[in-house]
Amino acid sequence: MNMKDVKQLGARLATGGKAKPPLAVDAGAIRELAELLDETGLGEIEIEQGGCRIRVARPATTAPSAAHAPLSIMSEPLAAPGRAPLESQAVKRDGDGAISSPMVGTVYVAPEPGKPPFVKVGDTVREGDTLLIVEAMKTMNPIIAPRSGIVKEICVEDAQPIEFGQTLLVLS
């Protein structure tokens, strides 16, 4: 499925057919989005058209059968433009020191191109230090160290697309 197909799918979602009420969900559109997830290997996809949003997502798992895991489907009307963002994005940390992404986006290891990275392997960081930045919907979100430690591993590259729950780096 290419971008043209996705746009056509969005247009079909927006029109919804004359016999359907305005908030009716097009089951065919959901099936096509689920197929697109299988084709691309993405964890989730969301389209928005005509004031309606459909999001199809797989649960975040590391099991090899994740490609066949059940889908989580959400359909909701769009929020008003003045809606306040979440006050804080909690960073998930596993018992082994892994710092996971709290959102889908693009990760940046430096404050701007050509500048030194926020952290390198072997650096000592304190709680509250900026480790990386995740850009989501044109907003730069700093990933803050939840505790002090030493950077053991950086699991992402600069300007890499990332998913929710993906390990970004490991602190000892």
C-alpha atoms as a PDB file:
ATOM      1  CA  MET A   1       0.000   0.000   0.000  1.00  0.00           C
ATOM      2  CA  ASN A   2       1.487   3.341  -1.002  1.00  0.00           C
ATOM      3  CA  MET A   3       0.748   6.928   0.085  1.00  0.00           C
ATOM      4  CA  LYS A   4      -1.839   7.323  -2.674  1.00  0.00           C
ATOM      5  CA  ASP A   5      -3.728   4.333  -1.272  1.00  0.00           C
ATOM      6  CA  VAL A   6      -3.531   5.789   2.256  1.00  0.00           C
ATOM      7  CA  LYS A   7      -4.913   9.121   1.001  1.00  0.00           C
ATOM      8  CA  GLN A   8      -7.743   7.327  -0.799  1.00  0.00           C
ATOM      9  CA  LEU A   9      -8.439   5.379   2.369  1.00  0.00           C
ATOM     10  CA  GLY A  10      -8.595   8.656   4.321  1.00  0.00           C
ATOM     11  CA  ALA A  11     -10.940  10.166   1.745  1.00  0.00           C
ATOM     12  CA  ARG A  12     -13.174   7.101   1.977  1.00  0.00           C
ATOM     13  CA  LEU A  13     -13.183   7.429   5.739  1.00  0.00           C
ATOM     14  CA  ALA A  14     -14.179  11.098   5.490  1.00  0.00           C
ATOM     15  CA  THR A  15     -17.133  10.480   3.191  1.00  0.00           C
ATOM     16  CA  GLY A  16     -18.239   7.318   4.941  1.00  0.00           C
ATOM     17  CA  GLY A  17     -20.991   6.720   2.388  1.00  0.00           C
ATOM     18  CA  LYS A  18     -24.336   8.527   2.260  1.00  0.00           C
ATOM     19  CA  ALA A  19     -26.277   5.860   4.176  1.00  0.00           C
ATOM     20  CA  LYS A  20     -23.971   5.864   7.199  1.00  0.00           C
ATOM     21  CA  PRO A  21     -24.277   8.280  10.130  1.00  0.00           C
ATOM     22  CA  PRO A  22     -21.371  10.768  10.478  1.00  0.00           C
ATOM     23  CA  LEU A  23     -19.628   8.817  13.290  1.00  0.00           C
ATOM     24  CA  ALA A  24     -19.936   5.379  11.657  1.00  0.00           C
ATOM     25  CA  VAL A  25     -16.651   3.497  11.455  1.00  0.00           C
ATOM     26  CA  ASP A  26     -15.717   1.970   8.112  1.00  0.00           C
ATOM     27  CA  ALA A  27     -14.739  -1.627   8.912  1.00  0.00           C
ATOM     28  CA  GLY A  28     -13.080  -1.935   5.492  1.00  0.00           C
ATOM     29  CA  ALA A  29     -10.824   1.031   6.312  1.00  0.00           C
ATOM     30  CA  ILE A  30      -9.799  -0.621   9.583  1.00  0.00           C
ATOM     31  CA  ARG A  31      -9.007  -3.876   7.766  1.00  0.00           C
ATOM     32  CA  GLU A  32      -6.900  -2.003   5.204  1.00  0.00           C
ATOM     33  CA  LEU A  33      -5.009  -0.205   7.970  1.00  0.00           C
ATOM     34  CA  ALA A  34      -4.376  -3.539   9.711  1.00  0.00           C
ATOM     35  CA  GLU A  35      -3.030  -4.963   6.442  1.00  0.00           C
ATOM     36  CA  LEU A  36      -0.793  -1.904   6.111  1.00  0.00           C
ATOM     37  CA  LEU A  37       0.603  -2.626   9.596  1.00  0.00           C
ATOM     38  CA  ASP A  38       1.448  -6.171   8.454  1.00  0.00           C
ATOM     39  CA  GLU A  39       3.076  -4.953   5.234  1.00  0.00           C
ATOM     40  CA  THR A  40       5.209  -2.267   6.857  1.00  0.00           C
ATOM     41  CA  GLY A  41       5.962  -3.890  10.211  1.00  0.00           C
ATOM     42  CA  LEU A  42       4.773  -0.761  12.053  1.00  0.00           C
ATOM     43  CA  GLY A  43       3.389  -1.004  15.565  1.00  0.00           C
ATOM     44  CA  GLU A  44       0.594   1.485  14.970  1.00  0.00           C
ATOM     45  CA  ILE A  45      -0.943   3.715  12.327  1.00  0.00           C
ATOM     46  CA  GLU A  46      -3.347   6.609  12.662  1.00  0.00           C
ATOM     47  CA  ILE A  47      -5.269   8.521  10.035  1.00  0.00           C
ATOM     48  CA  GLU A  48      -7.350  11.632  10.447  1.00  0.00           C
ATOM     49  CA  GLN A  49      -9.884  12.917   7.969  1.00  0.00           C
ATOM     50  CA  GLY A  50     -12.943  15.123   8.179  1.00  0.00           C
ATOM     51  CA  GLY A  51     -12.873  15.484  11.959  1.00  0.00           C
ATOM     52  CA  CYS A  52     -12.630  11.742  12.579  1.00  0.00           C
ATOM     53  CA  ARG A  53      -9.529   9.845  13.650  1.00  0.00           C
ATOM     54  CA  ILE A  54      -8.883   6.105  13.440  1.00  0.00           C
ATOM     55  CA  ARG A  55      -5.885   4.508  15.122  1.00  0.00           C
ATOM     56  CA  VAL A  56      -4.971   0.865  14.693  1.00  0.00           C
ATOM     57  CA  ALA A  57      -2.192  -0.427  16.951  1.00  0.00           C
ATOM     58  CA  ARG A  58      -0.606  -3.648  18.087  1.00  0.00           C
ATOM     59  CA  PRO A  59       0.311  -4.169  21.727  1.00  0.00           C
ATOM     60  CA  ALA A  60       4.000  -3.463  22.393  1.00  0.00           C
ATOM     61  CA  THR A  61       5.598  -6.886  22.801  1.00  0.00           C
ATOM     62  CA  THR A  62       8.979  -8.409  22.158  1.00  0.00           C
ATOM     63  CA  ALA A  63       7.562 -11.843  21.361  1.00  0.00           C
ATOM     64  CA  PRO A  64       8.333 -13.149  17.856  1.00  0.00           C
ATOM     65  CA  SER A  65       4.619 -13.594  17.219  1.00  0.00           C
ATOM     66  CA  ALA A  66       3.969  -9.839  17.552  1.00  0.00           C
ATOM     67  CA  ALA A  67       3.096  -9.659  13.846  1.00  0.00           C
ATOM     68  CA  HIS A  68       0.032 -11.781  14.565  1.00  0.00           C
ATOM     69  CA  ALA A  69      -0.930 -10.210  17.898  1.00  0.00           C
ATOM     70  CA  PRO A  70      -4.493  -8.888  18.242  1.00  0.00           C
ATOM     71  CA  LEU A  71      -5.071  -5.311  17.157  1.00  0.00           C
ATOM     72  CA  SER A  72      -6.199  -2.512  19.438  1.00  0.00           C
ATOM     73  CA  ILE A  73      -8.527  -0.162  17.560  1.00  0.00           C
ATOM     74  CA  MET A  74      -9.528   3.295  18.722  1.00  0.00           C
ATOM     75  CA  SER A  75     -11.800   5.791  17.011  1.00  0.00           C
ATOM     76  CA  GLU A  76     -12.400   9.191  18.566  1.00  0.00           C
ATOM     77  CA  PRO A  77     -13.509  12.679  17.516  1.00  0.00           C
ATOM     78  CA  LEU A  78     -10.718  15.230  17.365  1.00  0.00           C
ATOM     79  CA  ALA A  79     -10.091  17.464  20.346  1.00  0.00           C
ATOM     80  CA  ALA A  80     -10.514  21.196  20.190  1.00  0.00           C
ATOM     81  CA  PRO A  81      -7.402  23.053  18.951  1.00  0.00           C
ATOM     82  CA  GLY A  82      -6.868  24.692  22.371  1.00  0.00           C
ATOM     83  CA  ARG A  83      -6.606  21.368  24.216  1.00  0.00           C
ATOM     84  CA  ALA A  84      -3.725  21.319  26.699  1.00  0.00           C
ATOM     85  CA  PRO A  85      -0.961  18.747  26.130  1.00  0.00           C
ATOM     86  CA  LEU A  86      -0.159  16.110  28.718  1.00  0.00           C
ATOM     87  CA  GLU A  87       1.641  17.721  31.632  1.00  0.00           C
ATOM     88  CA  SER A  88       4.461  15.198  31.631  1.00  0.00           C
ATOM     89  CA  GLN A  89       5.573  12.249  29.597  1.00  0.00           C
ATOM     90  CA  ALA A  90       6.781   9.612  32.044  1.00  0.00           C
ATOM     91  CA  VAL A  91       9.810   7.701  30.837  1.00  0.00           C
ATOM     92  CA  LYS A  92       9.428   3.970  31.315  1.00  0.00           C
ATOM     93  CA  ARG A  93      12.474   2.292  32.864  1.00  0.00           C
ATOM     94  CA  ASP A  94      12.884  -1.469  33.042  1.00  0.00           C
ATOM     95  CA  GLY A  95      14.713  -3.253  35.856  1.00  0.00           C
ATOM     96  CA  ASP A  96      17.833  -3.639  33.696  1.00  0.00           C
ATOM     97  CA  GLY A  97      18.293   0.139  33.371  1.00  0.00           C
ATOM     98  CA  ALA A  98      16.687   0.462  29.936  1.00  0.00           C
ATOM     99  CA  ILE A  99      15.142   3.862  29.226  1.00  0.00           C
ATOM    100  CA  SER A 100      12.182   3.442  26.857  1.00  0.00           C
ATOM    101  CA  SER A 101      10.485   5.982  24.631  1.00  0.00           C
ATOM    102  CA  PRO A 102       7.254   7.437  26.025  1.00  0.00           C
ATOM    103  CA  MET A 103       5.990   8.191  22.496  1.00  0.00           C
ATOM    104  CA  VAL A 104       6.283   7.542  18.775  1.00  0.00           C
ATOM    105  CA  GLY A 105       8.487  10.011  16.925  1.00  0.00           C
ATOM    106  CA  THR A 106      11.993  10.735  15.697  1.00  0.00           C
ATOM    107  CA  VAL A 107      14.890  10.599  18.153  1.00  0.00           C
ATOM    108  CA  TYR A 108      17.740  13.103  18.127  1.00  0.00           C
ATOM    109  CA  VAL A 109      20.948  12.554  20.104  1.00  0.00           C
ATOM    110  CA  ALA A 110      22.099  16.207  19.936  1.00  0.00           C
ATOM    111  CA  PRO A 111      20.369  19.555  20.536  1.00  0.00           C
ATOM    112  CA  GLU A 112      20.837  20.489  16.858  1.00  0.00           C
ATOM    113  CA  PRO A 113      22.688  19.176  13.794  1.00  0.00           C
ATOM    114  CA  GLY A 114      26.468  19.473  14.060  1.00  0.00           C
ATOM    115  CA  LYS A 115      26.450  19.877  17.845  1.00  0.00           C
ATOM    116  CA  PRO A 116      27.892  17.265  20.233  1.00  0.00           C
ATOM    117  CA  PRO A 117      25.457  14.611  21.514  1.00  0.00           C
ATOM    118  CA  PHE A 118      23.744  15.031  24.876  1.00  0.00           C
ATOM    119  CA  VAL A 119      25.397  11.830  26.165  1.00  0.00           C
ATOM    120  CA  LYS A 120      27.927   9.229  25.022  1.00  0.00           C
ATOM    121  CA  VAL A 121      28.567   5.685  26.209  1.00  0.00           C
ATOM    122  CA  GLY A 122      30.508   5.916  29.478  1.00  0.00           C
ATOM    123  CA  ASP A 123      29.158   9.355  30.450  1.00  0.00           C
ATOM    124  CA  THR A 124      27.905   9.841  33.999  1.00  0.00           C
ATOM    125  CA  VAL A 125      24.461  11.457  34.143  1.00  0.00           C
ATOM    126  CA  ARG A 126      22.453  12.850  37.023  1.00  0.00           C
ATOM    127  CA  GLU A 127      18.730  12.583  37.571  1.00  0.00           C
ATOM    128  CA  GLY A 128      17.052  15.285  35.476  1.00  0.00           C
ATOM    129  CA  ASP A 129      19.778  15.512  32.788  1.00  0.00           C
ATOM    130  CA  THR A 130      18.574  15.516  29.175  1.00  0.00           C
ATOM    131  CA  LEU A 131      19.553  12.253  27.482  1.00  0.00           C
ATOM    132  CA  LEU A 132      17.905  12.613  24.050  1.00  0.00           C
ATOM    133  CA  ILE A 133      15.110  14.481  22.286  1.00  0.00           C
ATOM    134  CA  VAL A 134      12.080  12.852  20.665  1.00  0.00           C
ATOM    135  CA  GLU A 135      10.275  14.915  18.057  1.00  0.00           C
ATOM    136  CA  ALA A 136       6.583  14.118  17.840  1.00  0.00           C
ATOM    137  CA  MET A 137       4.170  16.199  15.780  1.00  0.00           C
ATOM    138  CA  LYS A 138       6.713  19.035  15.346  1.00  0.00           C
ATOM    139  CA  THR A 139       7.258  19.237  19.123  1.00  0.00           C
ATOM    140  CA  MET A 140      10.660  18.530  20.668  1.00  0.00           C
ATOM    141  CA  ASN A 141      10.259  16.418  23.816  1.00  0.00           C
ATOM    142  CA  PRO A 142      13.353  16.004  26.019  1.00  0.00           C
ATOM    143  CA  ILE A 143      13.948  12.540  27.445  1.00  0.00           C
ATOM    144  CA  ILE A 144      15.106  13.170  30.993  1.00  0.00           C
ATOM    145  CA  ALA A 145      17.215  10.792  33.096  1.00  0.00           C
ATOM    146  CA  PRO A 146      14.910   9.274  35.733  1.00  0.00           C
ATOM    147  CA  ARG A 147      17.928   8.580  37.980  1.00  0.00           C
ATOM    148  CA  SER A 148      21.680   9.057  38.128  1.00  0.00           C
ATOM    149  CA  GLY A 149      23.930   6.504  36.467  1.00  0.00           C
ATOM    150  CA  ILE A 150      26.422   5.733  33.720  1.00  0.00           C
ATOM    151  CA  VAL A 151      25.365   5.396  30.081  1.00  0.00           C
ATOM    152  CA  LYS A 152      26.087   1.734  29.248  1.00  0.00           C
ATOM    153  CA  GLU A 153      24.558   1.622  25.774  1.00  0.00           C
ATOM    154  CA  ILE A 154      22.826   3.928  23.300  1.00  0.00           C
ATOM    155  CA  CYS A 155      20.336   1.827  21.324  1.00  0.00           C
ATOM    156  CA  VAL A 156      19.266   4.398  18.703  1.00  0.00           C
ATOM    157  CA  GLU A 157      20.883   6.506  16.010  1.00  0.00           C
ATOM    158  CA  ASP A 158      20.377  10.195  15.345  1.00  0.00           C
ATOM    159  CA  ALA A 159      17.204  11.039  13.364  1.00  0.00           C
ATOM    160  CA  GLN A 160      15.917   7.448  13.673  1.00  0.00           C
ATOM    161  CA  PRO A 161      12.127   6.868  13.765  1.00  0.00           C
ATOM    162  CA  ILE A 162      11.142   5.195  17.037  1.00  0.00           C
ATOM    163  CA  GLU A 163       8.063   3.579  18.517  1.00  0.00           C
ATOM    164  CA  PHE A 164       6.392   3.824  21.909  1.00  0.00           C
ATOM    165  CA  GLY A 165       8.190   1.604  24.421  1.00  0.00           C
ATOM    166  CA  GLN A 166      11.299   1.151  22.258  1.00  0.00           C
ATOM    167  CA  THR A 167      14.530   1.081  24.293  1.00  0.00           C
ATOM    168  CA  LEU A 168      16.498   4.280  23.711  1.00  0.00           C
ATOM    169  CA  LEU A 169      19.467   3.749  26.002  1.00  0.00           C
ATOM    170  CA  VAL A 170      20.614   1.795  29.034  1.00  0.00           C
ATOM    171  CA  LEU A 171      21.859   3.279  32.318  1.00  0.00           C
ATOM    172  CA  SER A 172      23.855   1.284  34.872  1.00  0.00           C
END
